[in-house]
Amino acid sequence: MLSTRWQNPYVKVWLQFGEKRIEKRKTPIFNCTLNPVFNESFSFNVPWEKIRECSLDVMVMDFDNIGRNELIGRILLAVHLS
């Protein structure tokens, strides 16, 4: 569980088609901060005919030298067609 201690956040963005992860981008790690400002842009090449099938999984992570990086927050950006 994350605490209010200093964290080392970064953002990881996955391009997905359905449940399949295709391509990943990451920001630099911001060391020892609880209030990072991520001023990044990422681009992915997606064929126009596939645009409605893709989604972006955006995860804010806490980098850890020992053990696994911890998930701080997450959002999935996708088209939902009913």
N, C-alpha and C. Protein backbone atom coordinates (compact mmCIF):
# COMPACT_ATOMS: atom_id res chain seq x y z
N MET A 1 0.84 -1.18 0.00
CA MET A 1 0.00 0.00 0.00
C MET A 1 0.88 1.24 0.00
N LEU A 2 0.53 2.20 -0.81
CA LEU A 2 1.31 3.44 -0.90
C LEU A 2 1.06 4.32 0.31
N SER A 3 2.10 5.00 0.73
CA SER A 3 1.98 5.88 1.88
C SER A 3 2.27 7.31 1.43
N THR A 4 2.36 8.21 2.39
CA THR A 4 2.66 9.61 2.06
C THR A 4 4.16 9.86 2.01
N ARG A 5 4.96 8.82 2.03
CA ARG A 5 6.41 8.99 1.90
C ARG A 5 6.72 9.53 0.51
N TRP A 6 7.93 10.01 0.31
CA TRP A 6 8.33 10.49 -1.01
C TRP A 6 8.25 9.35 -2.00
N GLN A 7 7.77 9.65 -3.16
CA GLN A 7 7.64 8.63 -4.20
C GLN A 7 8.45 9.03 -5.42
N ASN A 8 8.64 8.07 -6.31
CA ASN A 8 9.39 8.26 -7.55
C ASN A 8 8.46 7.94 -8.72
N PRO A 9 7.51 8.83 -9.02
CA PRO A 9 6.49 8.51 -10.01
C PRO A 9 6.96 8.63 -11.46
N TYR A 10 6.32 7.85 -12.30
CA TYR A 10 6.44 7.96 -13.74
C TYR A 10 5.14 7.46 -14.35
N VAL A 11 4.93 7.76 -15.63
CA VAL A 11 3.71 7.33 -16.32
C VAL A 11 4.10 6.35 -17.41
N LYS A 12 3.31 5.30 -17.52
CA LYS A 12 3.48 4.28 -18.55
C LYS A 12 2.19 4.24 -19.36
N VAL A 13 2.31 4.31 -20.69
CA VAL A 13 1.14 4.30 -21.59
C VAL A 13 1.26 3.12 -22.54
N TRP A 14 0.24 2.27 -22.55
CA TRP A 14 0.18 1.13 -23.46
C TRP A 14 -0.87 1.37 -24.52
N LEU A 15 -0.52 1.14 -25.79
CA LEU A 15 -1.49 1.08 -26.88
C LEU A 15 -1.98 -0.36 -26.94
N GLN A 16 -3.30 -0.54 -26.94
CA GLN A 16 -3.88 -1.89 -26.95
C GLN A 16 -4.89 -2.01 -28.09
N PHE A 17 -4.97 -3.20 -28.64
CA PHE A 17 -6.04 -3.59 -29.56
C PHE A 17 -6.80 -4.69 -28.86
N GLY A 18 -8.01 -4.39 -28.42
CA GLY A 18 -8.75 -5.34 -27.58
C GLY A 18 -8.00 -5.48 -26.26
N GLU A 19 -7.71 -6.71 -25.88
CA GLU A 19 -6.95 -6.97 -24.65
C GLU A 19 -5.44 -7.11 -24.91
N LYS A 20 -5.04 -7.06 -26.17
CA LYS A 20 -3.64 -7.28 -26.53
C LYS A 20 -2.84 -5.98 -26.49
N ARG A 21 -1.78 -5.97 -25.69
CA ARG A 21 -0.89 -4.81 -25.61
C ARG A 21 0.05 -4.82 -26.82
N ILE A 22 0.12 -3.67 -27.50
CA ILE A 22 0.89 -3.58 -28.74
C ILE A 22 2.20 -2.81 -28.56
N GLU A 23 2.11 -1.62 -27.96
CA GLU A 23 3.26 -0.73 -27.89
C GLU A 23 3.22 0.08 -26.60
N LYS A 24 4.41 0.35 -26.02
CA LYS A 24 4.49 1.05 -24.74
C LYS A 24 5.37 2.30 -24.86
N ARG A 25 4.98 3.34 -24.11
CA ARG A 25 5.78 4.56 -23.96
C ARG A 25 5.84 4.88 -22.47
N LYS A 26 6.95 5.52 -22.03
CA LYS A 26 7.10 5.89 -20.62
C LYS A 26 7.69 7.30 -20.50
N THR A 27 7.34 7.96 -19.39
CA THR A 27 7.95 9.25 -19.07
C THR A 27 9.22 8.99 -18.27
N PRO A 28 10.02 10.03 -18.07
CA PRO A 28 11.13 9.90 -17.12
C PRO A 28 10.57 9.74 -15.70
N ILE A 29 11.39 9.24 -14.81
CA ILE A 29 11.03 9.09 -13.40
C ILE A 29 11.30 10.42 -12.70
N PHE A 30 10.33 10.88 -11.91
CA PHE A 30 10.48 12.09 -11.10
C PHE A 30 10.84 11.64 -9.69
N ASN A 31 12.08 11.83 -9.29
CA ASN A 31 12.54 11.33 -8.00
C ASN A 31 12.08 12.19 -6.83
N CYS A 32 11.69 11.52 -5.78
CA CYS A 32 11.39 12.13 -4.47
C CYS A 32 10.37 13.26 -4.53
N THR A 33 9.21 12.99 -5.09
CA THR A 33 8.17 14.00 -5.14
C THR A 33 6.79 13.37 -5.01
N LEU A 34 5.88 14.11 -4.43
CA LEU A 34 4.48 13.70 -4.35
C LEU A 34 3.63 14.49 -5.33
N ASN A 35 4.22 15.50 -5.99
CA ASN A 35 3.47 16.37 -6.90
C ASN A 35 4.19 16.55 -8.24
N PRO A 36 4.35 15.49 -9.01
CA PRO A 36 5.04 15.63 -10.30
C PRO A 36 4.16 16.35 -11.32
N VAL A 37 4.80 16.99 -12.27
CA VAL A 37 4.09 17.59 -13.40
C VAL A 37 4.62 16.88 -14.65
N PHE A 38 3.74 16.12 -15.28
CA PHE A 38 4.11 15.39 -16.48
C PHE A 38 3.70 16.22 -17.68
N ASN A 39 4.68 16.78 -18.37
CA ASN A 39 4.42 17.58 -19.56
C ASN A 39 5.01 16.82 -20.75
N GLU A 40 4.38 15.70 -21.09
CA GLU A 40 4.88 14.79 -22.12
C GLU A 40 3.82 14.60 -23.19
N SER A 41 4.26 14.25 -24.35
CA SER A 41 3.33 13.83 -25.40
C SER A 41 3.87 12.55 -26.02
N PHE A 42 2.96 11.69 -26.42
CA PHE A 42 3.32 10.43 -27.05
C PHE A 42 2.53 10.29 -28.33
N SER A 43 3.09 9.63 -29.31
CA SER A 43 2.34 9.36 -30.53
C SER A 43 2.48 7.88 -30.88
N PHE A 44 1.41 7.35 -31.43
CA PHE A 44 1.37 5.97 -31.88
C PHE A 44 0.84 5.96 -33.30
N ASN A 45 1.38 5.12 -34.14
CA ASN A 45 0.87 4.97 -35.50
C ASN A 45 -0.22 3.92 -35.50
N VAL A 46 -1.46 4.36 -35.75
CA VAL A 46 -2.61 3.47 -35.76
C VAL A 46 -3.30 3.62 -37.11
N PRO A 47 -3.49 2.51 -37.84
CA PRO A 47 -4.23 2.62 -39.09
C PRO A 47 -5.65 3.13 -38.84
N TRP A 48 -6.13 4.01 -39.72
CA TRP A 48 -7.44 4.64 -39.53
C TRP A 48 -8.54 3.60 -39.36
N GLU A 49 -8.50 2.52 -40.10
CA GLU A 49 -9.55 1.50 -40.02
C GLU A 49 -9.52 0.74 -38.69
N LYS A 50 -8.45 0.86 -37.91
CA LYS A 50 -8.33 0.19 -36.61
C LYS A 50 -8.56 1.12 -35.42
N ILE A 51 -8.81 2.40 -35.69
CA ILE A 51 -8.85 3.40 -34.61
C ILE A 51 -9.92 3.10 -33.56
N ARG A 52 -11.05 2.56 -33.96
CA ARG A 52 -12.12 2.25 -33.00
C ARG A 52 -11.84 1.00 -32.18
N GLU A 53 -10.86 0.22 -32.59
CA GLU A 53 -10.51 -1.01 -31.86
C GLU A 53 -9.42 -0.78 -30.83
N CYS A 54 -8.78 0.38 -30.87
CA CYS A 54 -7.64 0.59 -29.97
C CYS A 54 -8.06 1.33 -28.70
N SER A 55 -7.22 1.19 -27.68
CA SER A 55 -7.41 1.90 -26.43
C SER A 55 -6.03 2.27 -25.88
N LEU A 56 -6.03 3.20 -24.94
CA LEU A 56 -4.80 3.58 -24.25
C LEU A 56 -4.96 3.28 -22.77
N ASP A 57 -4.05 2.50 -22.23
CA ASP A 57 -4.02 2.18 -20.81
C ASP A 57 -2.93 3.06 -20.19
N VAL A 58 -3.35 4.04 -19.39
CA VAL A 58 -2.42 5.02 -18.80
C VAL A 58 -2.27 4.70 -17.32
N MET A 59 -1.03 4.41 -16.90
CA MET A 59 -0.76 4.02 -15.51
C MET A 59 0.28 4.96 -14.89
N VAL A 60 -0.01 5.46 -13.71
CA VAL A 60 0.98 6.21 -12.94
C VAL A 60 1.60 5.22 -11.96
N MET A 61 2.91 5.10 -12.04
CA MET A 61 3.63 4.10 -11.25
C MET A 61 4.61 4.76 -10.29
N ASP A 62 4.93 4.05 -9.22
CA ASP A 62 5.97 4.48 -8.27
C ASP A 62 7.17 3.57 -8.50
N PHE A 63 8.27 4.13 -9.00
CA PHE A 63 9.48 3.36 -9.27
C PHE A 63 10.11 2.90 -7.96
N ASP A 64 10.55 1.65 -7.94
CA ASP A 64 11.18 1.08 -6.75
C ASP A 64 12.41 0.29 -7.19
N ASN A 65 13.57 0.59 -6.60
CA ASN A 65 14.80 -0.14 -6.93
C ASN A 65 14.75 -1.58 -6.45
N ILE A 66 14.05 -1.80 -5.36
CA ILE A 66 13.96 -3.14 -4.77
C ILE A 66 12.52 -3.61 -4.91
N GLY A 67 12.32 -4.74 -5.54
CA GLY A 67 10.96 -5.26 -5.70
C GLY A 67 10.28 -4.68 -6.92
N ARG A 68 8.97 -4.79 -6.94
CA ARG A 68 8.18 -4.34 -8.08
C ARG A 68 7.75 -2.89 -7.92
N ASN A 69 7.60 -2.23 -9.06
CA ASN A 69 7.05 -0.88 -9.05
C ASN A 69 5.58 -0.97 -8.67
N GLU A 70 5.11 0.03 -7.90
CA GLU A 70 3.72 0.00 -7.43
C GLU A 70 2.84 0.89 -8.30
N LEU A 71 1.62 0.43 -8.52
CA LEU A 71 0.63 1.20 -9.26
C LEU A 71 0.04 2.27 -8.34
N ILE A 72 0.07 3.53 -8.77
CA ILE A 72 -0.51 4.64 -8.01
C ILE A 72 -1.92 4.92 -8.53
N GLY A 73 -2.09 4.94 -9.84
CA GLY A 73 -3.39 5.21 -10.44
C GLY A 73 -3.42 4.76 -11.88
N ARG A 74 -4.63 4.62 -12.41
CA ARG A 74 -4.78 4.07 -13.76
C ARG A 74 -6.07 4.56 -14.41
N ILE A 75 -6.02 4.77 -15.74
CA ILE A 75 -7.23 5.09 -16.50
C ILE A 75 -7.11 4.39 -17.85
N LEU A 76 -8.22 3.86 -18.31
CA LEU A 76 -8.29 3.24 -19.63
C LEU A 76 -9.12 4.14 -20.53
N LEU A 77 -8.51 4.61 -21.62
CA LEU A 77 -9.19 5.47 -22.57
C LEU A 77 -9.56 4.63 -23.78
N ALA A 78 -10.86 4.44 -24.00
CA ALA A 78 -11.31 3.56 -25.07
C ALA A 78 -12.64 4.03 -25.63
N VAL A 79 -12.93 3.63 -26.83
CA VAL A 79 -14.23 3.88 -27.44
C VAL A 79 -15.17 2.79 -26.97
N HIS A 80 -16.35 3.19 -26.52
CA HIS A 80 -17.36 2.22 -26.11
C HIS A 80 -18.56 2.37 -27.02
N LEU A 81 -18.76 1.36 -27.84
CA LEU A 81 -19.88 1.38 -28.77
C LEU A 81 -20.96 0.45 -28.28
N SER A 82 -22.18 0.93 -28.17
CA SER A 82 -23.28 0.10 -27.70
C SER A 82 -24.09 -0.43 -28.85
